[in-house]
């Protein structure tokens, strides 16, 4: 319509119920649109989880073998060869829980970072809220985490049968495990939103994620208790650094997971840590969603 002004074209579009494409919708409408696509998110997530290992001989068994092998390596090196217990009674249970839960975080960060950058053709071909992509990535990882958690709990139980370690009992607190996993899933989804936006704008960031996650692993108490890093510091420095390490999000989730499954006297049940876990999960999800939504109109165009 070359003979009409832009104002006239907008008026015609409104008259016939047409909407401009590639424009960031209002936040409320965007949330409703994402929620309405939940069936698509679930199918896309489970399909990604299945497709990941379908070309391997062992297929979906790798979803369990990968975290098991990962935990085995750290147990052999730090728990057996170096005997680096660092004040923990059951090193095997401590490292196993840490590696299984941290792997969920690490894969969510990596999956979120690639959710937009690797789906450019899909984004340019179809009209849907782009938040579907990072959400489906974390849903896919959650689907593979569930059977891995059963293996994790089995390893924790069997570790108590070894002569060097105290017995591990199944208690009522084990029923709380789905709760902390749900909060961790919420937290990871928020991280995936943030990483998807950052890498979509600055692709070079994808190259340093591995180094950042390696630093996060050692700084979050995956292998050693976080107190291991502060014991040699002066009282003044320790008073500042220790709370930062102890209450940073990954360390909080690992603490709660270990307090649920083990009876370590150094890791008792702490309602305040649950509160911190809830705050980190909800806060990261909300902030991540808003950060991602603000870049909605740029995805697939930059």
C-alpha atoms as a PDB file:
ATOM      1  CA  UNK A   1       0.000   0.000   0.000  1.00  0.00           C
ATOM      2  CA  UNK A   2       2.504   2.642  -1.160  1.00  0.00           C
ATOM      3  CA  UNK A   3      -0.031   5.514  -1.224  1.00  0.00           C
ATOM      4  CA  UNK A   4      -0.905   5.326   2.491  1.00  0.00           C
ATOM      5  CA  UNK A   5       0.905   6.754   5.476  1.00  0.00           C
ATOM      6  CA  UNK A   6       2.222   4.630   8.329  1.00  0.00           C
ATOM      7  CA  UNK A   7      -0.553   5.937  10.579  1.00  0.00           C
ATOM      8  CA  UNK A   8      -3.181   4.859   8.056  1.00  0.00           C
ATOM      9  CA  UNK A   9      -1.617   1.411   7.754  1.00  0.00           C
ATOM     10  CA  UNK A  10      -1.633   1.020  11.531  1.00  0.00           C
ATOM     11  CA  UNK A  11      -5.290   2.019  11.612  1.00  0.00           C
ATOM     12  CA  UNK A  12      -6.133  -0.565   8.939  1.00  0.00           C
ATOM     13  CA  UNK A  13      -4.215  -3.245  10.829  1.00  0.00           C
ATOM     14  CA  UNK A  14      -6.113  -2.481  14.029  1.00  0.00           C
ATOM     15  CA  UNK A  15      -9.425  -2.483  12.135  1.00  0.00           C
ATOM     16  CA  UNK A  16      -8.831  -6.011  10.816  1.00  0.00           C
ATOM     17  CA  UNK A  17      -7.252  -7.370  13.987  1.00  0.00           C
ATOM     18  CA  UNK A  18      -3.711  -7.644  12.626  1.00  0.00           C
ATOM     19  CA  UNK A  19      -0.660  -7.486  14.885  1.00  0.00           C
ATOM     20  CA  UNK A  20       2.849  -6.296  14.114  1.00  0.00           C
ATOM     21  CA  UNK A  21       5.390  -9.120  14.071  1.00  0.00           C
ATOM     22  CA  UNK A  22       8.735  -9.054  15.862  1.00  0.00           C
ATOM     23  CA  UNK A  23       7.598  -6.661  18.588  1.00  0.00           C
ATOM     24  CA  UNK A  24       8.021  -7.277  22.299  1.00  0.00           C
ATOM     25  CA  UNK A  25       4.527  -7.815  23.756  1.00  0.00           C
ATOM     26  CA  UNK A  26       3.491  -6.479  27.174  1.00  0.00           C
ATOM     27  CA  UNK A  27       4.804  -8.580  30.049  1.00  0.00           C
ATOM     28  CA  UNK A  28       1.382  -9.830  31.174  1.00  0.00           C
ATOM     29  CA  UNK A  29       0.399 -10.983  27.700  1.00  0.00           C
ATOM     30  CA  UNK A  30       3.824 -12.556  27.218  1.00  0.00           C
ATOM     31  CA  UNK A  31       3.444 -14.598  30.419  1.00  0.00           C
ATOM     32  CA  UNK A  32      -0.004 -15.816  29.345  1.00  0.00           C
ATOM     33  CA  UNK A  33       1.358 -16.761  25.926  1.00  0.00           C
ATOM     34  CA  UNK A  34       4.225 -18.769  27.457  1.00  0.00           C
ATOM     35  CA  UNK A  35       1.888 -20.566  29.887  1.00  0.00           C
ATOM     36  CA  UNK A  36      -0.474 -21.455  27.033  1.00  0.00           C
ATOM     37  CA  UNK A  37       2.438 -23.196  25.267  1.00  0.00           C
ATOM     38  CA  UNK A  38       3.198 -25.542  28.183  1.00  0.00           C
ATOM     39  CA  UNK A  39       2.169 -28.648  26.222  1.00  0.00           C
ATOM     40  CA  UNK A  40       4.589 -27.635  23.458  1.00  0.00           C
ATOM     41  CA  UNK A  41       7.332 -26.971  26.028  1.00  0.00           C
ATOM     42  CA  UNK A  42       6.855 -30.396  27.598  1.00  0.00           C
ATOM     43  CA  UNK A  43       6.896 -32.235  24.262  1.00  0.00           C
ATOM     44  CA  UNK A  44       9.914 -30.268  23.014  1.00  0.00           C
ATOM     45  CA  UNK A  45      11.785 -30.885  26.269  1.00  0.00           C
ATOM     46  CA  UNK A  46      11.155 -34.626  26.390  1.00  0.00           C
ATOM     47  CA  UNK A  47      11.952 -34.943  22.669  1.00  0.00           C
ATOM     48  CA  UNK A  48      15.296 -33.209  23.208  1.00  0.00           C
ATOM     49  CA  UNK A  49      16.072 -35.509  26.126  1.00  0.00           C
ATOM     50  CA  UNK A  50      15.329 -38.580  24.024  1.00  0.00           C
ATOM     51  CA  UNK A  51      17.160 -37.365  20.910  1.00  0.00           C
ATOM     52  CA  UNK A  52      20.343 -36.544  22.809  1.00  0.00           C
ATOM     53  CA  UNK A  53      21.455 -40.176  23.187  1.00  0.00           C
ATOM     54  CA  UNK A  54      19.404 -42.000  20.577  1.00  0.00           C
ATOM     55  CA  UNK A  55      22.402 -42.595  18.288  1.00  0.00           C
ATOM     56  CA  UNK A  56      24.480 -44.228  21.038  1.00  0.00           C
ATOM     57  CA  UNK A  57      24.508 -47.979  21.593  1.00  0.00           C
ATOM     58  CA  UNK A  58      23.482 -47.582  25.230  1.00  0.00           C
ATOM     59  CA  UNK A  59      20.868 -44.961  24.378  1.00  0.00           C
ATOM     60  CA  UNK A  60      19.133 -43.315  27.317  1.00  0.00           C
ATOM     61  CA  UNK A  61      21.301 -45.224  29.779  1.00  0.00           C
ATOM     62  CA  UNK A  62      23.918 -42.499  29.268  1.00  0.00           C
ATOM     63  CA  UNK A  63      21.649 -40.067  31.119  1.00  0.00           C
ATOM     64  CA  UNK A  64      22.507 -42.117  34.224  1.00  0.00           C
ATOM     65  CA  UNK A  65      26.027 -43.239  33.319  1.00  0.00           C
ATOM     66  CA  UNK A  66      27.369 -39.714  32.733  1.00  0.00           C
ATOM     67  CA  UNK A  67      26.763 -38.373  36.265  1.00  0.00           C
ATOM     68  CA  UNK A  68      27.799 -41.724  37.769  1.00  0.00           C
ATOM     69  CA  UNK A  69      31.134 -41.687  35.925  1.00  0.00           C
ATOM     70  CA  UNK A  70      31.597 -38.024  36.781  1.00  0.00           C
ATOM     71  CA  UNK A  71      31.064 -38.701  40.481  1.00  0.00           C
ATOM     72  CA  UNK A  72      33.299 -41.794  40.339  1.00  0.00           C
ATOM     73  CA  UNK A  73      36.240 -39.793  38.998  1.00  0.00           C
ATOM     74  CA  UNK A  74      36.034 -37.225  41.797  1.00  0.00           C
ATOM     75  CA  UNK A  75      35.532 -39.894  44.457  1.00  0.00           C
ATOM     76  CA  UNK A  76      38.590 -41.820  43.261  1.00  0.00           C
ATOM     77  CA  UNK A  77      40.809 -38.743  43.076  1.00  0.00           C
ATOM     78  CA  UNK A  78      39.724 -36.703  46.084  1.00  0.00           C
ATOM     79  CA  UNK A  79      38.005 -39.258  48.291  1.00  0.00           C
ATOM     80  CA  UNK A  80      40.267 -42.287  47.961  1.00  0.00           C
ATOM     81  CA  UNK A  81      43.635 -41.381  46.420  1.00  0.00           C
ATOM     82  CA  UNK A  82      44.078 -38.004  48.115  1.00  0.00           C
ATOM     83  CA  UNK A  83      41.865 -38.881  51.130  1.00  0.00           C
ATOM     84  CA  UNK A  84      40.672 -35.282  51.181  1.00  0.00           C
ATOM     85  CA  UNK A  85      37.764 -35.683  53.561  1.00  0.00           C
ATOM     86  CA  UNK A  86      38.160 -32.173  55.011  1.00  0.00           C
ATOM     87  CA  UNK A  87      36.086 -32.925  58.094  1.00  0.00           C
ATOM     88  CA  UNK A  88      33.289 -34.823  56.285  1.00  0.00           C
ATOM     89  CA  UNK A  89      32.431 -38.277  57.657  1.00  0.00           C
ATOM     90  CA  UNK A  90      31.061 -39.769  54.412  1.00  0.00           C
ATOM     91  CA  UNK A  91      33.148 -38.433  51.536  1.00  0.00           C
ATOM     92  CA  UNK A  92      31.456 -40.653  48.945  1.00  0.00           C
ATOM     93  CA  UNK A  93      27.959 -39.389  49.781  1.00  0.00           C
ATOM     94  CA  UNK A  94      29.204 -35.797  50.015  1.00  0.00           C
ATOM     95  CA  UNK A  95      30.856 -35.817  46.568  1.00  0.00           C
ATOM     96  CA  UNK A  96      28.096 -37.864  44.914  1.00  0.00           C
ATOM     97  CA  UNK A  97      25.311 -35.468  45.920  1.00  0.00           C
ATOM     98  CA  UNK A  98      27.458 -32.484  44.988  1.00  0.00           C
ATOM     99  CA  UNK A  99      28.361 -33.730  41.510  1.00  0.00           C
ATOM    100  CA  UNK A 100      24.857 -34.926  40.595  1.00  0.00           C
ATOM    101  CA  UNK A 101      23.157 -31.657  41.597  1.00  0.00           C
ATOM    102  CA  UNK A 102      25.904 -29.423  40.237  1.00  0.00           C
ATOM    103  CA  UNK A 103      25.767 -31.208  36.890  1.00  0.00           C
ATOM    104  CA  UNK A 104      22.097 -30.193  36.642  1.00  0.00           C
ATOM    105  CA  UNK A 105      23.114 -26.555  37.166  1.00  0.00           C
ATOM    106  CA  UNK A 106      26.028 -26.738  34.740  1.00  0.00           C
ATOM    107  CA  UNK A 107      23.992 -28.336  31.963  1.00  0.00           C
ATOM    108  CA  UNK A 108      21.191 -25.792  32.450  1.00  0.00           C
ATOM    109  CA  UNK A 109      23.649 -22.927  32.016  1.00  0.00           C
ATOM    110  CA  UNK A 110      25.139 -24.487  28.882  1.00  0.00           C
ATOM    111  CA  UNK A 111      21.733 -25.423  27.490  1.00  0.00           C
ATOM    112  CA  UNK A 112      20.333 -21.969  28.117  1.00  0.00           C
ATOM    113  CA  UNK A 113      23.326 -20.358  26.447  1.00  0.00           C
ATOM    114  CA  UNK A 114      22.715 -22.368  23.270  1.00  0.00           C
ATOM    115  CA  UNK A 115      18.895 -22.271  23.330  1.00  0.00           C
ATOM    116  CA  UNK A 116      18.641 -19.116  21.212  1.00  0.00           C
ATOM    117  CA  UNK A 117      21.988 -19.047  19.420  1.00  0.00           C
ATOM    118  CA  UNK A 118      21.520 -22.571  18.024  1.00  0.00           C
ATOM    119  CA  UNK A 119      17.840 -22.180  17.105  1.00  0.00           C
ATOM    120  CA  UNK A 120      18.046 -19.188  14.756  1.00  0.00           C
ATOM    121  CA  UNK A 121      16.320 -20.957  11.848  1.00  0.00           C
ATOM    122  CA  UNK A 122      13.423 -22.042  14.060  1.00  0.00           C
ATOM    123  CA  UNK A 123      13.060 -18.540  15.495  1.00  0.00           C
ATOM    124  CA  UNK A 124      12.954 -16.959  12.059  1.00  0.00           C
ATOM    125  CA  UNK A 125      10.493 -19.512  10.726  1.00  0.00           C
ATOM    126  CA  UNK A 126       7.814 -19.631  13.419  1.00  0.00           C
ATOM    127  CA  UNK A 127       6.074 -17.112  15.652  1.00  0.00           C
ATOM    128  CA  UNK A 128       6.085 -18.134  19.337  1.00  0.00           C
ATOM    129  CA  UNK A 129       7.369 -16.669  22.610  1.00  0.00           C
ATOM    130  CA  UNK A 130      11.113 -17.263  22.601  1.00  0.00           C
ATOM    131  CA  UNK A 131      11.077 -18.087  26.323  1.00  0.00           C
ATOM    132  CA  UNK A 132       9.776 -21.496  25.263  1.00  0.00           C
ATOM    133  CA  UNK A 133      13.294 -22.470  24.134  1.00  0.00           C
ATOM    134  CA  UNK A 134      15.296 -22.012  27.386  1.00  0.00           C
ATOM    135  CA  UNK A 135      12.414 -23.447  29.418  1.00  0.00           C
ATOM    136  CA  UNK A 136      12.287 -26.553  27.245  1.00  0.00           C
ATOM    137  CA  UNK A 137      16.048 -26.994  27.614  1.00  0.00           C
ATOM    138  CA  UNK A 138      15.802 -27.162  31.406  1.00  0.00           C
ATOM    139  CA  UNK A 139      12.697 -29.370  31.226  1.00  0.00           C
ATOM    140  CA  UNK A 140      14.730 -31.741  29.050  1.00  0.00           C
ATOM    141  CA  UNK A 141      17.493 -31.859  31.666  1.00  0.00           C
ATOM    142  CA  UNK A 142      14.956 -32.381  34.450  1.00  0.00           C
ATOM    143  CA  UNK A 143      13.566 -35.396  32.584  1.00  0.00           C
ATOM    144  CA  UNK A 144      17.014 -37.003  32.558  1.00  0.00           C
ATOM    145  CA  UNK A 145      17.743 -35.955  36.145  1.00  0.00           C
ATOM    146  CA  UNK A 146      14.852 -37.879  37.695  1.00  0.00           C
ATOM    147  CA  UNK A 147      16.232 -41.399  37.012  1.00  0.00           C
ATOM    148  CA  UNK A 148      19.739 -40.144  37.865  1.00  0.00           C
ATOM    149  CA  UNK A 149      18.486 -39.068  41.301  1.00  0.00           C
ATOM    150  CA  UNK A 150      17.426 -42.654  42.030  1.00  0.00           C
ATOM    151  CA  UNK A 151      20.972 -43.779  41.279  1.00  0.00           C
ATOM    152  CA  UNK A 152      22.351 -40.950  43.436  1.00  0.00           C
ATOM    153  CA  UNK A 153      20.236 -42.033  46.410  1.00  0.00           C
ATOM    154  CA  UNK A 154      21.313 -45.659  45.911  1.00  0.00           C
ATOM    155  CA  UNK A 155      24.999 -44.697  45.941  1.00  0.00           C
ATOM    156  CA  UNK A 156      24.478 -42.647  49.101  1.00  0.00           C
ATOM    157  CA  UNK A 157      22.825 -45.626  50.825  1.00  0.00           C
ATOM    158  CA  UNK A 158      25.458 -48.120  49.707  1.00  0.00           C
ATOM    159  CA  UNK A 159      28.289 -45.831  50.833  1.00  0.00           C
ATOM    160  CA  UNK A 160      27.173 -46.371  54.415  1.00  0.00           C
ATOM    161  CA  UNK A 161      27.902 -50.087  54.081  1.00  0.00           C
ATOM    162  CA  UNK A 162      31.635 -49.465  53.694  1.00  0.00           C
ATOM    163  CA  UNK A 163      33.663 -49.993  56.881  1.00  0.00           C
ATOM    164  CA  UNK A 164      35.192 -46.514  56.839  1.00  0.00           C
ATOM    165  CA  UNK A 165      31.867 -44.660  56.706  1.00  0.00           C
ATOM    166  CA  UNK A 166      28.858 -44.394  59.048  1.00  0.00           C
ATOM    167  CA  UNK A 167      25.563 -45.971  58.070  1.00  0.00           C
ATOM    168  CA  UNK A 168      23.130 -43.866  56.049  1.00  0.00           C
ATOM    169  CA  UNK A 169      19.471 -44.331  56.965  1.00  0.00           C
ATOM    170  CA  UNK A 170      16.368 -43.533  54.933  1.00  0.00           C
ATOM    171  CA  UNK A 171      14.504 -40.990  57.054  1.00  0.00           C
ATOM    172  CA  UNK A 172      11.445 -38.791  56.650  1.00  0.00           C
ATOM    173  CA  UNK A 173      13.683 -36.006  55.352  1.00  0.00           C
ATOM    174  CA  UNK A 174      14.211 -37.951  52.111  1.00  0.00           C
ATOM    175  CA  UNK A 175      10.648 -36.976  51.217  1.00  0.00           C
ATOM    176  CA  UNK A 176      11.883 -33.389  50.924  1.00  0.00           C
ATOM    177  CA  UNK A 177      14.183 -34.211  47.992  1.00  0.00           C
ATOM    178  CA  UNK A 178      11.546 -33.419  45.298  1.00  0.00           C
ATOM    179  CA  UNK A 179      11.063 -30.029  46.957  1.00  0.00           C
ATOM    180  CA  UNK A 180      14.692 -28.959  46.672  1.00  0.00           C
ATOM    181  CA  UNK A 181      14.888 -30.367  43.132  1.00  0.00           C
ATOM    182  CA  UNK A 182      11.844 -28.269  42.175  1.00  0.00           C
ATOM    183  CA  UNK A 183      13.476 -25.140  43.614  1.00  0.00           C
ATOM    184  CA  UNK A 184      16.716 -25.989  41.805  1.00  0.00           C
ATOM    185  CA  UNK A 185      14.774 -26.409  38.548  1.00  0.00           C
ATOM    186  CA  UNK A 186      13.244 -22.961  39.047  1.00  0.00           C
ATOM    187  CA  UNK A 187      16.675 -21.485  39.765  1.00  0.00           C
ATOM    188  CA  UNK A 188      18.219 -23.194  36.732  1.00  0.00           C
ATOM    189  CA  UNK A 189      15.458 -21.910  34.469  1.00  0.00           C
ATOM    190  CA  UNK A 190      16.225 -18.380  35.608  1.00  0.00           C
ATOM    191  CA  UNK A 191      19.913 -18.947  34.858  1.00  0.00           C
ATOM    192  CA  UNK A 192      18.992 -20.337  31.425  1.00  0.00           C
ATOM    193  CA  UNK A 193      16.978 -17.176  30.666  1.00  0.00           C
ATOM    194  CA  UNK A 194      19.904 -14.942  31.592  1.00  0.00           C
ATOM    195  CA  UNK A 195      22.475 -16.967  29.665  1.00  0.00           C
ATOM    196  CA  UNK A 196      20.228 -17.190  26.597  1.00  0.00           C
ATOM    197  CA  UNK A 197      19.909 -13.391  26.486  1.00  0.00           C
ATOM    198  CA  UNK A 198      23.611 -12.755  27.114  1.00  0.00           C
ATOM    199  CA  UNK A 199      24.935 -15.244  24.541  1.00  0.00           C
ATOM    200  CA  UNK A 200      22.353 -14.203  21.935  1.00  0.00           C
ATOM    201  CA  UNK A 201      23.678 -10.638  22.202  1.00  0.00           C
ATOM    202  CA  UNK A 202      27.377 -11.479  22.723  1.00  0.00           C
ATOM    203  CA  UNK A 203      28.178 -14.926  21.242  1.00  0.00           C
ATOM    204  CA  UNK A 204      31.787 -14.785  22.485  1.00  0.00           C
ATOM    205  CA  UNK A 205      30.536 -15.350  26.032  1.00  0.00           C
ATOM    206  CA  UNK A 206      29.808 -18.967  25.127  1.00  0.00           C
ATOM    207  CA  UNK A 207      33.553 -19.611  25.037  1.00  0.00           C
ATOM    208  CA  UNK A 208      34.138 -18.695  28.678  1.00  0.00           C
ATOM    209  CA  UNK A 209      31.159 -20.429  30.273  1.00  0.00           C
ATOM    210  CA  UNK A 210      33.199 -23.588  30.838  1.00  0.00           C
ATOM    211  CA  UNK A 211      35.827 -21.699  32.837  1.00  0.00           C
ATOM    212  CA  UNK A 212      33.193 -19.909  34.906  1.00  0.00           C
ATOM    213  CA  UNK A 213      31.407 -23.159  35.749  1.00  0.00           C
ATOM    214  CA  UNK A 214      34.698 -24.791  36.725  1.00  0.00           C
ATOM    215  CA  UNK A 215      35.324 -21.940  39.141  1.00  0.00           C
ATOM    216  CA  UNK A 216      31.756 -22.258  40.434  1.00  0.00           C
ATOM    217  CA  UNK A 217      32.256 -25.981  41.029  1.00  0.00           C
ATOM    218  CA  UNK A 218      35.249 -25.517  43.325  1.00  0.00           C
ATOM    219  CA  UNK A 219      33.783 -22.426  44.972  1.00  0.00           C
ATOM    220  CA  UNK A 220      30.407 -24.006  45.761  1.00  0.00           C
ATOM    221  CA  UNK A 221      31.468 -26.980  47.860  1.00  0.00           C
ATOM    222  CA  UNK A 222      30.975 -29.698  45.256  1.00  0.00           C
ATOM    223  CA  UNK A 223      34.170 -31.498  46.292  1.00  0.00           C
ATOM    224  CA  UNK A 224      35.101 -29.822  49.600  1.00  0.00           C
ATOM    225  CA  UNK A 225      32.978 -28.036  52.204  1.00  0.00           C
ATOM    226  CA  UNK A 226      33.048 -24.279  51.585  1.00  0.00           C
ATOM    227  CA  UNK A 227      34.615 -23.840  55.035  1.00  0.00           C
ATOM    228  CA  UNK A 228      37.742 -25.491  53.616  1.00  0.00           C
ATOM    229  CA  UNK A 229      38.484 -22.301  51.677  1.00  0.00           C
ATOM    230  CA  UNK A 230      38.142 -19.922  54.617  1.00  0.00           C
ATOM    231  CA  UNK A 231      39.819 -21.749  57.493  1.00  0.00           C
ATOM    232  CA  UNK A 232      43.263 -20.228  56.861  1.00  0.00           C
ATOM    233  CA  UNK A 233      42.009 -16.636  56.542  1.00  0.00           C
ATOM    234  CA  UNK A 234      42.213 -14.005  59.237  1.00  0.00           C
ATOM    235  CA  UNK A 235      39.139 -13.440  61.392  1.00  0.00           C
ATOM    236  CA  UNK A 236      38.232 -10.158  59.689  1.00  0.00           C
ATOM    237  CA  UNK A 237      38.530 -11.516  56.140  1.00  0.00           C
ATOM    238  CA  UNK A 238      36.812 -14.754  57.105  1.00  0.00           C
ATOM    239  CA  UNK A 239      33.831 -12.838  58.498  1.00  0.00           C
ATOM    240  CA  UNK A 240      33.291 -11.331  55.031  1.00  0.00           C
ATOM    241  CA  UNK A 241      34.254 -14.189  52.698  1.00  0.00           C
ATOM    242  CA  UNK A 242      32.689 -17.122  54.581  1.00  0.00           C
ATOM    243  CA  UNK A 243      29.050 -15.890  54.377  1.00  0.00           C
ATOM    244  CA  UNK A 244      29.481 -15.108  50.665  1.00  0.00           C
ATOM    245  CA  UNK A 245      30.644 -18.656  49.926  1.00  0.00           C
ATOM    246  CA  UNK A 246      28.135 -20.281  52.275  1.00  0.00           C
ATOM    247  CA  UNK A 247      25.039 -18.421  51.088  1.00  0.00           C
ATOM    248  CA  UNK A 248      25.753 -18.175  47.386  1.00  0.00           C
ATOM    249  CA  UNK A 249      23.004 -20.067  45.509  1.00  0.00           C
ATOM    250  CA  UNK A 250      24.733 -23.255  44.372  1.00  0.00           C
ATOM    251  CA  UNK A 251      26.282 -23.811  47.803  1.00  0.00           C
ATOM    252  CA  UNK A 252      22.847 -23.361  49.403  1.00  0.00           C
ATOM    253  CA  UNK A 253      21.207 -25.958  47.159  1.00  0.00           C
ATOM    254  CA  UNK A 254      24.027 -28.440  47.745  1.00  0.00           C
ATOM    255  CA  UNK A 255      23.814 -27.913  51.514  1.00  0.00           C
ATOM    256  CA  UNK A 256      20.060 -28.574  51.562  1.00  0.00           C
ATOM    257  CA  UNK A 257      20.410 -31.643  49.320  1.00  0.00           C
ATOM    258  CA  UNK A 258      23.083 -33.132  51.587  1.00  0.00           C
ATOM    259  CA  UNK A 259      21.170 -32.328  54.763  1.00  0.00           C
ATOM    260  CA  UNK A 260      18.175 -34.216  53.328  1.00  0.00           C
ATOM    261  CA  UNK A 261      19.978 -37.415  52.357  1.00  0.00           C
ATOM    262  CA  UNK A 262      22.780 -37.745  54.916  1.00  0.00           C
ATOM    263  CA  UNK A 263      22.969 -37.639  58.664  1.00  0.00           C
ATOM    264  CA  UNK A 264      26.216 -35.681  58.762  1.00  0.00           C
ATOM    265  CA  UNK A 265      26.509 -33.767  62.070  1.00  0.00           C
ATOM    266  CA  UNK A 266      28.281 -30.973  60.149  1.00  0.00           C
ATOM    267  CA  UNK A 267      25.267 -30.619  57.791  1.00  0.00           C
ATOM    268  CA  UNK A 268      22.140 -30.479  59.958  1.00  0.00           C
ATOM    269  CA  UNK A 269      18.670 -29.563  58.741  1.00  0.00           C
ATOM    270  CA  UNK A 270      18.445 -25.762  58.681  1.00  0.00           C
ATOM    271  CA  UNK A 271      15.132 -23.958  57.891  1.00  0.00           C
ATOM    272  CA  UNK A 272      17.087 -20.792  57.094  1.00  0.00           C
ATOM    273  CA  UNK A 273      18.926 -22.571  54.277  1.00  0.00           C
ATOM    274  CA  UNK A 274      15.565 -23.635  52.863  1.00  0.00           C
ATOM    275  CA  UNK A 275      14.497 -19.998  52.989  1.00  0.00           C
ATOM    276  CA  UNK A 276      17.651 -18.963  51.166  1.00  0.00           C
ATOM    277  CA  UNK A 277      17.036 -21.674  48.551  1.00  0.00           C
ATOM    278  CA  UNK A 278      13.500 -20.409  47.973  1.00  0.00           C
ATOM    279  CA  UNK A 279      14.647 -16.795  47.689  1.00  0.00           C
ATOM    280  CA  UNK A 280      17.409 -17.669  45.232  1.00  0.00           C
ATOM    281  CA  UNK A 281      15.062 -19.822  43.140  1.00  0.00           C
ATOM    282  CA  UNK A 282      12.182 -17.357  42.883  1.00  0.00           C
ATOM    283  CA  UNK A 283      14.403 -14.281  42.602  1.00  0.00           C
ATOM    284  CA  UNK A 284      16.592 -15.738  39.851  1.00  0.00           C
ATOM    285  CA  UNK A 285      13.581 -17.008  37.910  1.00  0.00           C
ATOM    286  CA  UNK A 286      11.744 -13.670  38.018  1.00  0.00           C
ATOM    287  CA  UNK A 287      14.810 -11.587  37.184  1.00  0.00           C
ATOM    288  CA  UNK A 288      15.877 -14.007  34.449  1.00  0.00           C
ATOM    289  CA  UNK A 289      12.416 -14.024  32.868  1.00  0.00           C
ATOM    290  CA  UNK A 290      12.232 -10.232  32.786  1.00  0.00           C
ATOM    291  CA  UNK A 291      15.767  -9.941  31.402  1.00  0.00           C
ATOM    292  CA  UNK A 292      14.903 -12.433  28.667  1.00  0.00           C
ATOM    293  CA  UNK A 293      11.565 -10.791  27.862  1.00  0.00           C
ATOM    294  CA  UNK A 294      13.212  -7.401  27.373  1.00  0.00           C
ATOM    295  CA  UNK A 295      15.285  -8.830  24.526  1.00  0.00           C
ATOM    296  CA  UNK A 296      12.384 -10.688  22.858  1.00  0.00           C
ATOM    297  CA  UNK A 297      12.306  -8.528  19.726  1.00  0.00           C
ATOM    298  CA  UNK A 298      16.045  -8.947  19.089  1.00  0.00           C
ATOM    299  CA  UNK A 299      16.269 -12.743  19.048  1.00  0.00           C
ATOM    300  CA  UNK A 300      16.932 -14.077  15.567  1.00  0.00           C
ATOM    301  CA  UNK A 301      17.721 -10.609  14.215  1.00  0.00           C
ATOM    302  CA  UNK A 302      21.136  -9.767  15.679  1.00  0.00           C
END
